[in-house]
Amino acid sequence: MDKTFKTYDEQIAILISRGIQISSSAEKSEAKKALQHYGYYNLINGYKMPFLEANSSELSDDKYKPGTKINEIIALYNFDMRIRRVFFKYILLIETNIKNLIAYSFSQAHQHENYLIYTNFNRNLKDSDKLITNLISDIQRQISNRVSDPCIAHYLKQHGYIPLWVLNNILTLGTISNFYKVMNPKERQEISKIFKIQDNELENILMYITPVRNFCAHNNRLYCYRTKRPLTDLSIHDKLNIPRHSQSKNEYNYGKRDLFAAVLAMKVLLSDMDFKKFLKEINNALNIFRPRMCVMQEKDLLSYMGFPEDWRESLLKIK
């Protein structure tokens, strides 16, 4: 589709020419309402991939699989919206937990004005000077941007300083992940042992779920999430008997760079009860989408997500 303006009727005509079934007046009305509500780019360009013929390419016009209807594309859009809400909800639980653990451990070791003192961080890291100074600058910038917040303003006025456990309310998960990265080993390990993992594993997990959280917060497409930066190998990969990639024995077939990897990360950091609730809510979203599937098959959707077909049963067995 070229970049010139197209009316809703012209957009519908393009979809029909490419194989989407829109024939009755009711279907045209539904298509128009969908384009008005979601926008062509967000709905069609964002969620068309599972419905395209295998020989479609960026160099030619899209061709949709026989039987494709716009209501199934809308159903995929809504499924993605639901799982974004689920992931965001439970990542926020992790974020609150991690922030509080870091504030406690770090403040116990370094007392007041601790996070603004360069020497309170691990200076033995590679590029430590850059990492620490960037972190302190980032914290100062976030404080400056939120000086009007009542809790921030109160502490600045009364004490001239914001305790880390108060500052938690404004720091992003990305910042707190970078904070953990440059903490001293003893403090890092005090936190990671709570989750029964190594500190380097916790560092990697936090770095992995941070962009997933941001995808959710900014309504980016999530179901087919992929990243070049993999989740570290965890014991849960072996417990689930995830096969190794045929081309690279150092890489698992799934659970490394996909949405399932985020699920594995959350298995490590959530309580058993919260993790079960998390899985149930993902499954509920699938149950809502399943009756609306026609062209798309559930196994194909799970493949886009990086999920094995027995994803829920296998995860519930892991202690």
C-alpha atoms as a PDB file:
ATOM      1  CA  MET A   1       0.000   0.000   0.000  1.00  0.00           C
ATOM      2  CA  ASP A   2       1.565   3.318  -1.068  1.00  0.00           C
ATOM      3  CA  LYS A   3       1.874   6.243   1.296  1.00  0.00           C
ATOM      4  CA  THR A   4      -0.773   8.522  -0.255  1.00  0.00           C
ATOM      5  CA  PHE A   5      -3.982   9.194   1.649  1.00  0.00           C
ATOM      6  CA  LYS A   6      -6.714   6.594   1.202  1.00  0.00           C
ATOM      7  CA  THR A   7     -10.343   6.867   2.282  1.00  0.00           C
ATOM      8  CA  TYR A   8     -11.834   4.047   4.332  1.00  0.00           C
ATOM      9  CA  ASP A   9     -13.630   2.766   1.234  1.00  0.00           C
ATOM     10  CA  GLU A  10     -10.349   2.763  -0.701  1.00  0.00           C
ATOM     11  CA  GLN A  11      -8.613   0.928   2.137  1.00  0.00           C
ATOM     12  CA  ILE A  12     -11.372  -1.685   2.126  1.00  0.00           C
ATOM     13  CA  ALA A  13     -11.022  -2.061  -1.642  1.00  0.00           C
ATOM     14  CA  ILE A  14      -7.308  -2.743  -1.202  1.00  0.00           C
ATOM     15  CA  LEU A  15      -8.017  -5.416   1.407  1.00  0.00           C
ATOM     16  CA  ILE A  16     -10.575  -7.070  -0.892  1.00  0.00           C
ATOM     17  CA  SER A  17      -8.121  -7.017  -3.808  1.00  0.00           C
ATOM     18  CA  ARG A  18      -5.577  -8.821  -1.642  1.00  0.00           C
ATOM     19  CA  GLY A  19      -7.902 -11.628  -0.648  1.00  0.00           C
ATOM     20  CA  ILE A  20      -9.670 -10.601   2.551  1.00  0.00           C
ATOM     21  CA  GLN A  21     -13.332 -11.626   2.412  1.00  0.00           C
ATOM     22  CA  ILE A  22     -15.439  -8.478   2.656  1.00  0.00           C
ATOM     23  CA  SER A  23     -18.504  -8.947   0.491  1.00  0.00           C
ATOM     24  CA  SER A  24     -21.739  -8.178   2.324  1.00  0.00           C
ATOM     25  CA  SER A  25     -22.764  -4.712   3.444  1.00  0.00           C
ATOM     26  CA  ALA A  26     -22.507  -5.923   7.064  1.00  0.00           C
ATOM     27  CA  GLU A  27     -18.893  -7.022   6.510  1.00  0.00           C
ATOM     28  CA  LYS A  28     -18.027  -3.727   4.855  1.00  0.00           C
ATOM     29  CA  SER A  29     -19.590  -1.861   7.753  1.00  0.00           C
ATOM     30  CA  GLU A  30     -17.613  -3.950  10.249  1.00  0.00           C
ATOM     31  CA  ALA A  31     -14.398  -3.369   8.288  1.00  0.00           C
ATOM     32  CA  LYS A  32     -14.969   0.384   8.169  1.00  0.00           C
ATOM     33  CA  LYS A  33     -15.647   0.559  11.899  1.00  0.00           C
ATOM     34  CA  ALA A  34     -12.474  -1.444  12.576  1.00  0.00           C
ATOM     35  CA  LEU A  35     -10.356   0.866  10.410  1.00  0.00           C
ATOM     36  CA  GLN A  36     -11.882   3.915  12.089  1.00  0.00           C
ATOM     37  CA  HIS A  37     -11.247   2.527  15.554  1.00  0.00           C
ATOM     38  CA  TYR A  38      -7.827   0.863  15.190  1.00  0.00           C
ATOM     39  CA  GLY A  39      -6.347   2.427  12.055  1.00  0.00           C
ATOM     40  CA  TYR A  40      -5.054   0.573   9.007  1.00  0.00           C
ATOM     41  CA  TYR A  41      -1.431   0.631  10.130  1.00  0.00           C
ATOM     42  CA  ASN A  42      -2.058  -0.639  13.664  1.00  0.00           C
ATOM     43  CA  LEU A  43      -4.550  -3.323  12.716  1.00  0.00           C
ATOM     44  CA  ILE A  44      -3.620  -4.550   9.248  1.00  0.00           C
ATOM     45  CA  ASN A  45       0.121  -3.914   9.052  1.00  0.00           C
ATOM     46  CA  GLY A  46       0.502  -4.923  12.685  1.00  0.00           C
ATOM     47  CA  TYR A  47      -1.401  -8.224  12.637  1.00  0.00           C
ATOM     48  CA  LYS A  48      -1.514  -9.429   9.037  1.00  0.00           C
ATOM     49  CA  MET A  49       1.495 -11.770   9.101  1.00  0.00           C
ATOM     50  CA  PRO A  50      -0.215 -15.010  10.255  1.00  0.00           C
ATOM     51  CA  PHE A  51      -2.880 -14.560   7.554  1.00  0.00           C
ATOM     52  CA  LEU A  52      -0.593 -14.030   4.546  1.00  0.00           C
ATOM     53  CA  GLU A  53       0.165 -16.620   1.911  1.00  0.00           C
ATOM     54  CA  ALA A  54       3.636 -18.110   2.248  1.00  0.00           C
ATOM     55  CA  ASN A  55       4.761 -16.570  -1.045  1.00  0.00           C
ATOM     56  CA  SER A  56       3.861 -12.996  -0.009  1.00  0.00           C
ATOM     57  CA  SER A  57       6.902 -10.742   0.199  1.00  0.00           C
ATOM     58  CA  GLU A  58       7.777  -7.137   0.895  1.00  0.00           C
ATOM     59  CA  LEU A  59       8.472  -6.704  -2.814  1.00  0.00           C
ATOM     60  CA  SER A  60       4.918  -7.533  -3.875  1.00  0.00           C
ATOM     61  CA  ASP A  61       1.377  -6.834  -2.722  1.00  0.00           C
ATOM     62  CA  ASP A  62       0.193  -8.942   0.200  1.00  0.00           C
ATOM     63  CA  LYS A  63      -1.934 -11.966  -0.617  1.00  0.00           C
ATOM     64  CA  TYR A  64      -4.115 -13.326   2.151  1.00  0.00           C
ATOM     65  CA  LYS A  65      -4.924 -16.973   2.769  1.00  0.00           C
ATOM     66  CA  PRO A  66      -8.338 -18.125   1.520  1.00  0.00           C
ATOM     67  CA  GLY A  67     -11.067 -17.499   4.061  1.00  0.00           C
ATOM     68  CA  THR A  68      -9.337 -14.611   5.816  1.00  0.00           C
ATOM     69  CA  LYS A  69     -11.829 -12.177   7.328  1.00  0.00           C
ATOM     70  CA  ILE A  70     -11.170  -8.919   9.068  1.00  0.00           C
ATOM     71  CA  ASN A  71     -12.938 -10.058  12.241  1.00  0.00           C
ATOM     72  CA  GLU A  72     -10.273 -12.735  12.759  1.00  0.00           C
ATOM     73  CA  ILE A  73      -7.521 -10.121  12.416  1.00  0.00           C
ATOM     74  CA  ILE A  74      -9.414  -7.997  14.963  1.00  0.00           C
ATOM     75  CA  ALA A  75      -9.616 -11.042  17.253  1.00  0.00           C
ATOM     76  CA  LEU A  76      -5.824 -11.442  17.082  1.00  0.00           C
ATOM     77  CA  TYR A  77      -5.427  -7.736  17.829  1.00  0.00           C
ATOM     78  CA  ASN A  78      -7.678  -8.100  20.882  1.00  0.00           C
ATOM     79  CA  PHE A  79      -5.841 -11.231  22.030  1.00  0.00           C
ATOM     80  CA  ASP A  80      -2.568  -9.323  21.882  1.00  0.00           C
ATOM     81  CA  MET A  81      -4.127  -6.469  23.848  1.00  0.00           C
ATOM     82  CA  ARG A  82      -5.281  -8.907  26.540  1.00  0.00           C
ATOM     83  CA  ILE A  83      -1.923 -10.598  26.986  1.00  0.00           C
ATOM     84  CA  ARG A  84      -0.191  -7.202  27.106  1.00  0.00           C
ATOM     85  CA  ARG A  85      -2.392  -6.332  30.065  1.00  0.00           C
ATOM     86  CA  VAL A  86      -1.607  -9.663  31.729  1.00  0.00           C
ATOM     87  CA  PHE A  87       2.159  -9.392  31.273  1.00  0.00           C
ATOM     88  CA  PHE A  88       2.172  -5.765  32.381  1.00  0.00           C
ATOM     89  CA  LYS A  89       0.173  -6.552  35.525  1.00  0.00           C
ATOM     90  CA  TYR A  90       2.558  -9.271  36.686  1.00  0.00           C
ATOM     91  CA  ILE A  91       5.766  -7.553  35.635  1.00  0.00           C
ATOM     92  CA  LEU A  92       4.661  -4.641  37.833  1.00  0.00           C
ATOM     93  CA  LEU A  93       4.501  -7.058  40.779  1.00  0.00           C
ATOM     94  CA  ILE A  94       8.074  -8.123  40.024  1.00  0.00           C
ATOM     95  CA  GLU A  95       9.159  -4.510  39.592  1.00  0.00           C
ATOM     96  CA  THR A  96       7.785  -3.516  43.012  1.00  0.00           C
ATOM     97  CA  ASN A  97       9.436  -6.511  44.672  1.00  0.00           C
ATOM     98  CA  ILE A  98      12.845  -5.927  43.068  1.00  0.00           C
ATOM     99  CA  LYS A  99      12.807  -2.199  43.816  1.00  0.00           C
ATOM    100  CA  ASN A 100      12.079  -2.812  47.475  1.00  0.00           C
ATOM    101  CA  LEU A 101      14.759  -5.491  47.797  1.00  0.00           C
ATOM    102  CA  ILE A 102      17.361  -3.255  46.162  1.00  0.00           C
ATOM    103  CA  ALA A 103      16.410  -0.247  48.301  1.00  0.00           C
ATOM    104  CA  TYR A 104      16.666  -2.327  51.482  1.00  0.00           C
ATOM    105  CA  SER A 105      19.959  -4.043  50.681  1.00  0.00           C
ATOM    106  CA  PHE A 106      21.680  -0.968  49.289  1.00  0.00           C
ATOM    107  CA  SER A 107      20.472   1.412  52.013  1.00  0.00           C
ATOM    108  CA  GLN A 108      21.422  -1.039  54.753  1.00  0.00           C
ATOM    109  CA  ALA A 109      24.969  -1.131  53.388  1.00  0.00           C
ATOM    110  CA  HIS A 110      25.451   2.570  52.554  1.00  0.00           C
ATOM    111  CA  GLN A 111      22.997   4.629  54.615  1.00  0.00           C
ATOM    112  CA  HIS A 112      21.992   8.148  53.522  1.00  0.00           C
ATOM    113  CA  GLU A 113      22.573   9.777  50.124  1.00  0.00           C
ATOM    114  CA  ASN A 114      23.853   6.386  49.098  1.00  0.00           C
ATOM    115  CA  TYR A 115      22.882   6.299  45.422  1.00  0.00           C
ATOM    116  CA  LEU A 116      24.622   9.571  44.565  1.00  0.00           C
ATOM    117  CA  ILE A 117      28.032   8.444  45.813  1.00  0.00           C
ATOM    118  CA  TYR A 118      30.199   6.930  43.092  1.00  0.00           C
ATOM    119  CA  THR A 119      32.277   4.799  45.473  1.00  0.00           C
ATOM    120  CA  ASN A 120      29.206   2.967  46.776  1.00  0.00           C
ATOM    121  CA  PHE A 121      29.054   0.983  43.538  1.00  0.00           C
ATOM    122  CA  ASN A 122      31.157  -1.797  42.059  1.00  0.00           C
ATOM    123  CA  ARG A 123      34.192  -0.163  40.436  1.00  0.00           C
ATOM    124  CA  ASN A 124      35.682  -3.483  39.318  1.00  0.00           C
ATOM    125  CA  LEU A 125      33.216  -3.930  36.468  1.00  0.00           C
ATOM    126  CA  LYS A 126      34.229  -3.462  32.869  1.00  0.00           C
ATOM    127  CA  ASP A 127      33.331   0.118  31.882  1.00  0.00           C
ATOM    128  CA  SER A 128      32.389   0.760  35.520  1.00  0.00           C
ATOM    129  CA  ASP A 129      33.088   4.487  35.293  1.00  0.00           C
ATOM    130  CA  LYS A 130      30.661   4.920  32.393  1.00  0.00           C
ATOM    131  CA  LEU A 131      28.011   2.626  33.905  1.00  0.00           C
ATOM    132  CA  ILE A 132      28.036   4.288  37.324  1.00  0.00           C
ATOM    133  CA  THR A 133      28.164   7.895  36.111  1.00  0.00           C
ATOM    134  CA  ASN A 134      25.371   7.207  33.602  1.00  0.00           C
ATOM    135  CA  LEU A 135      23.248   5.658  36.347  1.00  0.00           C
ATOM    136  CA  ILE A 136      23.725   8.594  38.726  1.00  0.00           C
ATOM    137  CA  SER A 137      22.950  11.048  35.914  1.00  0.00           C
ATOM    138  CA  ASP A 138      19.827   9.093  35.007  1.00  0.00           C
ATOM    139  CA  ILE A 139      18.610   9.124  38.618  1.00  0.00           C
ATOM    140  CA  GLN A 140      19.234  12.861  38.919  1.00  0.00           C
ATOM    141  CA  ARG A 141      17.364  13.465  35.663  1.00  0.00           C
ATOM    142  CA  GLN A 142      14.356  11.461  36.833  1.00  0.00           C
ATOM    143  CA  ILE A 143      14.313  13.347  40.139  1.00  0.00           C
ATOM    144  CA  SER A 144      14.471  16.662  38.265  1.00  0.00           C
ATOM    145  CA  ASN A 145      11.546  15.630  36.067  1.00  0.00           C
ATOM    146  CA  ARG A 146       9.391  14.742  39.075  1.00  0.00           C
ATOM    147  CA  VAL A 147      10.227  17.460  41.629  1.00  0.00           C
ATOM    148  CA  SER A 148       6.566  18.512  41.729  1.00  0.00           C
ATOM    149  CA  ASP A 149       5.428  15.062  42.929  1.00  0.00           C
ATOM    150  CA  PRO A 150       4.222  15.460  46.542  1.00  0.00           C
ATOM    151  CA  CYS A 151       6.370  12.645  47.967  1.00  0.00           C
ATOM    152  CA  ILE A 152       9.496  13.911  46.174  1.00  0.00           C
ATOM    153  CA  ALA A 153       8.843  17.573  47.016  1.00  0.00           C
ATOM    154  CA  HIS A 154       8.265  16.741  50.705  1.00  0.00           C
ATOM    155  CA  TYR A 155      11.578  14.968  51.193  1.00  0.00           C
ATOM    156  CA  LEU A 156      13.531  17.570  49.238  1.00  0.00           C
ATOM    157  CA  LYS A 157      11.988  20.380  51.292  1.00  0.00           C
ATOM    158  CA  GLN A 158      12.183  18.717  54.700  1.00  0.00           C
ATOM    159  CA  HIS A 159      15.399  16.730  54.351  1.00  0.00           C
ATOM    160  CA  GLY A 160      17.142  17.881  51.175  1.00  0.00           C
ATOM    161  CA  TYR A 161      17.404  14.238  50.198  1.00  0.00           C
ATOM    162  CA  ILE A 162      15.148  11.462  48.870  1.00  0.00           C
ATOM    163  CA  PRO A 163      15.627   7.997  50.421  1.00  0.00           C
ATOM    164  CA  LEU A 164      15.991   5.230  47.891  1.00  0.00           C
ATOM    165  CA  TRP A 165      12.843   3.505  49.130  1.00  0.00           C
ATOM    166  CA  VAL A 166      10.896   6.686  48.321  1.00  0.00           C
ATOM    167  CA  LEU A 167      12.714   7.226  45.038  1.00  0.00           C
ATOM    168  CA  ASN A 168      11.504   3.773  43.956  1.00  0.00           C
ATOM    169  CA  ASN A 169       8.167   5.332  43.081  1.00  0.00           C
ATOM    170  CA  ILE A 170       9.623   7.235  40.144  1.00  0.00           C
ATOM    171  CA  LEU A 171      12.553   5.116  38.941  1.00  0.00           C
ATOM    172  CA  THR A 172      11.885   3.039  35.827  1.00  0.00           C
ATOM    173  CA  LEU A 173      12.481  -0.701  35.684  1.00  0.00           C
ATOM    174  CA  GLY A 174      15.275  -0.008  33.197  1.00  0.00           C
ATOM    175  CA  THR A 175      16.994   2.277  35.697  1.00  0.00           C
ATOM    176  CA  ILE A 176      16.581  -0.145  38.584  1.00  0.00           C
ATOM    177  CA  SER A 177      17.964  -2.948  36.367  1.00  0.00           C
ATOM    178  CA  ASN A 178      21.038  -0.818  35.641  1.00  0.00           C
ATOM    179  CA  PHE A 179      21.242  -0.060  39.371  1.00  0.00           C
ATOM    180  CA  TYR A 180      21.377  -3.766  40.178  1.00  0.00           C
ATOM    181  CA  LYS A 181      24.048  -4.252  37.522  1.00  0.00           C
ATOM    182  CA  VAL A 182      26.527  -1.930  39.286  1.00  0.00           C
ATOM    183  CA  MET A 183      25.780  -2.915  42.896  1.00  0.00           C
ATOM    184  CA  ASN A 184      28.562  -4.557  44.860  1.00  0.00           C
ATOM    185  CA  PRO A 185      28.607  -8.375  44.590  1.00  0.00           C
ATOM    186  CA  LYS A 186      27.641  -9.014  48.223  1.00  0.00           C
ATOM    187  CA  GLU A 187      24.549  -6.808  47.938  1.00  0.00           C
ATOM    188  CA  ARG A 188      23.588  -8.340  44.577  1.00  0.00           C
ATOM    189  CA  GLN A 189      23.884 -11.839  45.986  1.00  0.00           C
ATOM    190  CA  GLU A 190      21.769 -11.006  49.034  1.00  0.00           C
ATOM    191  CA  ILE A 191      18.939 -10.280  46.597  1.00  0.00           C
ATOM    192  CA  SER A 192      19.471 -13.067  44.062  1.00  0.00           C
ATOM    193  CA  LYS A 193      19.602 -15.775  46.731  1.00  0.00           C
ATOM    194  CA  ILE A 194      16.015 -14.876  47.672  1.00  0.00           C
ATOM    195  CA  PHE A 195      15.025 -16.201  44.226  1.00  0.00           C
ATOM    196  CA  LYS A 196      17.492 -19.114  44.497  1.00  0.00           C
ATOM    197  CA  ILE A 197      19.497 -17.984  41.483  1.00  0.00           C
ATOM    198  CA  GLN A 198      22.922 -16.455  40.825  1.00  0.00           C
ATOM    199  CA  ASP A 199      23.282 -12.687  40.717  1.00  0.00           C
ATOM    200  CA  ASN A 200      24.352 -12.727  37.051  1.00  0.00           C
ATOM    201  CA  GLU A 201      21.149 -14.659  36.272  1.00  0.00           C
ATOM    202  CA  LEU A 202      19.007 -12.082  38.052  1.00  0.00           C
ATOM    203  CA  GLU A 203      20.798  -9.275  36.222  1.00  0.00           C
ATOM    204  CA  ASN A 204      20.033 -10.918  32.879  1.00  0.00           C
ATOM    205  CA  ILE A 205      16.399 -11.634  33.798  1.00  0.00           C
ATOM    206  CA  LEU A 206      15.809  -7.996  34.746  1.00  0.00           C
ATOM    207  CA  MET A 207      17.378  -6.836  31.492  1.00  0.00           C
ATOM    208  CA  TYR A 208      15.169  -9.304  29.574  1.00  0.00           C
ATOM    209  CA  ILE A 209      11.814  -8.358  31.068  1.00  0.00           C
ATOM    210  CA  THR A 210      12.450  -4.598  30.945  1.00  0.00           C
ATOM    211  CA  PRO A 211      11.761  -4.230  27.186  1.00  0.00           C
ATOM    212  CA  VAL A 212       8.798  -6.626  27.502  1.00  0.00           C
ATOM    213  CA  ARG A 213       7.370  -4.307  30.160  1.00  0.00           C
ATOM    214  CA  ASN A 214       7.939  -1.316  27.874  1.00  0.00           C
ATOM    215  CA  PHE A 215       6.260  -3.087  24.938  1.00  0.00           C
ATOM    216  CA  CYS A 216       3.213  -3.576  27.170  1.00  0.00           C
ATOM    217  CA  ALA A 217       3.232  -0.008  28.474  1.00  0.00           C
ATOM    218  CA  HIS A 218       3.426   1.490  24.981  1.00  0.00           C
ATOM    219  CA  ASN A 219       0.932  -0.880  23.313  1.00  0.00           C
ATOM    220  CA  ASN A 220       3.502  -2.443  21.011  1.00  0.00           C
ATOM    221  CA  ARG A 221       2.714  -5.789  19.376  1.00  0.00           C
ATOM    222  CA  LEU A 222       3.676  -8.465  21.927  1.00  0.00           C
ATOM    223  CA  TYR A 223       2.520 -11.931  20.855  1.00  0.00           C
ATOM    224  CA  CYS A 224       5.369 -12.323  18.342  1.00  0.00           C
ATOM    225  CA  TYR A 225       8.009 -10.639  20.534  1.00  0.00           C
ATOM    226  CA  ARG A 226      11.611 -11.369  19.549  1.00  0.00           C
ATOM    227  CA  THR A 227      14.910  -9.942  20.744  1.00  0.00           C
ATOM    228  CA  LYS A 228      18.565 -10.336  19.778  1.00  0.00           C
ATOM    229  CA  ARG A 229      19.587 -10.316  23.439  1.00  0.00           C
ATOM    230  CA  PRO A 230      18.751 -13.773  24.814  1.00  0.00           C
ATOM    231  CA  LEU A 231      17.606 -14.858  28.234  1.00  0.00           C
ATOM    232  CA  THR A 232      20.444 -16.612  30.011  1.00  0.00           C
ATOM    233  CA  ASP A 233      20.328 -20.407  30.308  1.00  0.00           C
ATOM    234  CA  LEU A 234      18.355 -21.249  33.442  1.00  0.00           C
ATOM    235  CA  SER A 235      17.745 -24.540  35.216  1.00  0.00           C
ATOM    236  CA  ILE A 236      14.109 -24.317  34.110  1.00  0.00           C
ATOM    237  CA  HIS A 237      15.180 -24.770  30.470  1.00  0.00           C
ATOM    238  CA  ASP A 238      16.493 -28.221  31.348  1.00  0.00           C
ATOM    239  CA  LYS A 239      13.594 -29.029  33.675  1.00  0.00           C
ATOM    240  CA  LEU A 240      11.218 -28.425  30.759  1.00  0.00           C
ATOM    241  CA  ASN A 241      13.383 -30.595  28.479  1.00  0.00           C
ATOM    242  CA  ILE A 242      13.506 -27.852  25.862  1.00  0.00           C
ATOM    243  CA  PRO A 243      15.458 -29.258  22.896  1.00  0.00           C
ATOM    244  CA  ARG A 244      18.612 -27.625  21.667  1.00  0.00           C
ATOM    245  CA  HIS A 245      18.660 -25.910  18.286  1.00  0.00           C
ATOM    246  CA  SER A 246      19.856 -28.196  15.487  1.00  0.00           C
ATOM    247  CA  GLN A 247      22.156 -25.502  14.069  1.00  0.00           C
ATOM    248  CA  SER A 248      23.575 -24.363  17.406  1.00  0.00           C
ATOM    249  CA  LYS A 249      23.803 -26.648  20.413  1.00  0.00           C
ATOM    250  CA  ASN A 250      24.351 -23.577  22.591  1.00  0.00           C
ATOM    251  CA  GLU A 251      20.818 -22.344  21.846  1.00  0.00           C
ATOM    252  CA  TYR A 252      17.452 -23.775  22.879  1.00  0.00           C
ATOM    253  CA  ASN A 253      14.673 -24.046  20.302  1.00  0.00           C
ATOM    254  CA  TYR A 254      12.472 -21.659  22.287  1.00  0.00           C
ATOM    255  CA  GLY A 255      12.429 -19.834  25.593  1.00  0.00           C
ATOM    256  CA  LYS A 256      15.511 -17.749  24.804  1.00  0.00           C
ATOM    257  CA  ARG A 257      14.585 -14.758  22.626  1.00  0.00           C
ATOM    258  CA  ASP A 258      10.786 -14.930  22.526  1.00  0.00           C
ATOM    259  CA  LEU A 259       7.739 -14.275  24.684  1.00  0.00           C
ATOM    260  CA  PHE A 260       8.055 -17.702  26.295  1.00  0.00           C
ATOM    261  CA  ALA A 261      11.460 -16.610  27.617  1.00  0.00           C
ATOM    262  CA  ALA A 262       9.682 -13.798  29.455  1.00  0.00           C
ATOM    263  CA  VAL A 263       7.316 -16.393  30.937  1.00  0.00           C
ATOM    264  CA  LEU A 264      10.304 -18.426  32.169  1.00  0.00           C
ATOM    265  CA  ALA A 265      11.856 -15.298  33.664  1.00  0.00           C
ATOM    266  CA  MET A 266       8.610 -14.557  35.479  1.00  0.00           C
ATOM    267  CA  LYS A 267       8.425 -18.132  36.751  1.00  0.00           C
ATOM    268  CA  VAL A 268      11.691 -17.451  38.578  1.00  0.00           C
ATOM    269  CA  LEU A 269      10.643 -14.104  40.068  1.00  0.00           C
ATOM    270  CA  LEU A 270       6.935 -14.514  40.851  1.00  0.00           C
ATOM    271  CA  SER A 271       5.534 -16.401  43.820  1.00  0.00           C
ATOM    272  CA  ASP A 272       4.005 -19.789  42.978  1.00  0.00           C
ATOM    273  CA  MET A 273       0.525 -18.413  43.570  1.00  0.00           C
ATOM    274  CA  ASP A 274       1.033 -15.339  41.389  1.00  0.00           C
ATOM    275  CA  PHE A 275       2.617 -17.424  38.643  1.00  0.00           C
ATOM    276  CA  LYS A 276      -0.372 -19.772  38.561  1.00  0.00           C
ATOM    277  CA  LYS A 277      -2.690 -16.762  38.301  1.00  0.00           C
ATOM    278  CA  PHE A 278      -0.492 -15.375  35.514  1.00  0.00           C
ATOM    279  CA  LEU A 279      -0.724 -18.616  33.517  1.00  0.00           C
ATOM    280  CA  LYS A 280      -4.468 -18.810  34.078  1.00  0.00           C
ATOM    281  CA  GLU A 281      -4.972 -15.295  32.685  1.00  0.00           C
ATOM    282  CA  ILE A 282      -2.907 -16.069  29.584  1.00  0.00           C
ATOM    283  CA  ASN A 283      -4.968 -19.220  29.104  1.00  0.00           C
ATOM    284  CA  ASN A 284      -8.187 -17.214  29.513  1.00  0.00           C
ATOM    285  CA  ALA A 285      -7.063 -14.909  26.702  1.00  0.00           C
ATOM    286  CA  LEU A 286      -6.452 -17.968  24.515  1.00  0.00           C
ATOM    287  CA  ASN A 287      -9.885 -19.356  25.398  1.00  0.00           C
ATOM    288  CA  ILE A 288     -11.518 -16.117  24.237  1.00  0.00           C
ATOM    289  CA  PHE A 289      -9.556 -16.092  20.968  1.00  0.00           C
ATOM    290  CA  ARG A 290      -9.885 -19.811  20.141  1.00  0.00           C
ATOM    291  CA  PRO A 291     -13.548 -19.785  18.931  1.00  0.00           C
ATOM    292  CA  ARG A 292     -12.706 -16.867  16.638  1.00  0.00           C
ATOM    293  CA  MET A 293      -9.873 -18.732  14.917  1.00  0.00           C
ATOM    294  CA  CYS A 294     -10.577 -19.904  11.410  1.00  0.00           C
ATOM    295  CA  VAL A 295      -7.618 -19.364   9.110  1.00  0.00           C
ATOM    296  CA  MET A 296      -5.168 -19.161  11.990  1.00  0.00           C
ATOM    297  CA  GLN A 297      -4.470 -22.341  13.937  1.00  0.00           C
ATOM    298  CA  GLU A 298      -3.674 -22.381  17.648  1.00  0.00           C
ATOM    299  CA  LYS A 299      -0.385 -24.206  17.083  1.00  0.00           C
ATOM    300  CA  ASP A 300       0.675 -21.412  14.726  1.00  0.00           C
ATOM    301  CA  LEU A 301      -0.212 -18.751  17.289  1.00  0.00           C
ATOM    302  CA  LEU A 302       1.777 -20.595  19.961  1.00  0.00           C
ATOM    303  CA  SER A 303       4.699 -20.824  17.560  1.00  0.00           C
ATOM    304  CA  TYR A 304       4.665 -17.049  17.054  1.00  0.00           C
ATOM    305  CA  MET A 305       4.707 -16.678  20.847  1.00  0.00           C
ATOM    306  CA  GLY A 306       7.517 -19.219  21.244  1.00  0.00           C
ATOM    307  CA  PHE A 307       5.196 -21.379  23.386  1.00  0.00           C
ATOM    308  CA  PRO A 308       5.267 -25.199  23.227  1.00  0.00           C
ATOM    309  CA  GLU A 309       1.853 -26.788  22.735  1.00  0.00           C
ATOM    310  CA  ASP A 310       1.838 -28.155  26.316  1.00  0.00           C
ATOM    311  CA  TRP A 311       3.082 -24.849  27.734  1.00  0.00           C
ATOM    312  CA  ARG A 312       0.680 -24.582  30.672  1.00  0.00           C
ATOM    313  CA  GLU A 313       0.790 -28.197  31.818  1.00  0.00           C
ATOM    314  CA  SER A 314       4.575 -28.384  31.653  1.00  0.00           C
ATOM    315  CA  LEU A 315       5.051 -25.118  33.559  1.00  0.00           C
ATOM    316  CA  LEU A 316       2.611 -26.089  36.316  1.00  0.00           C
ATOM    317  CA  LYS A 317       4.643 -29.256  36.938  1.00  0.00           C
ATOM    318  CA  ILE A 318       7.838 -27.333  37.635  1.00  0.00           C
ATOM    319  CA  LYS A 319       8.464 -26.622  41.320  1.00  0.00           C
END
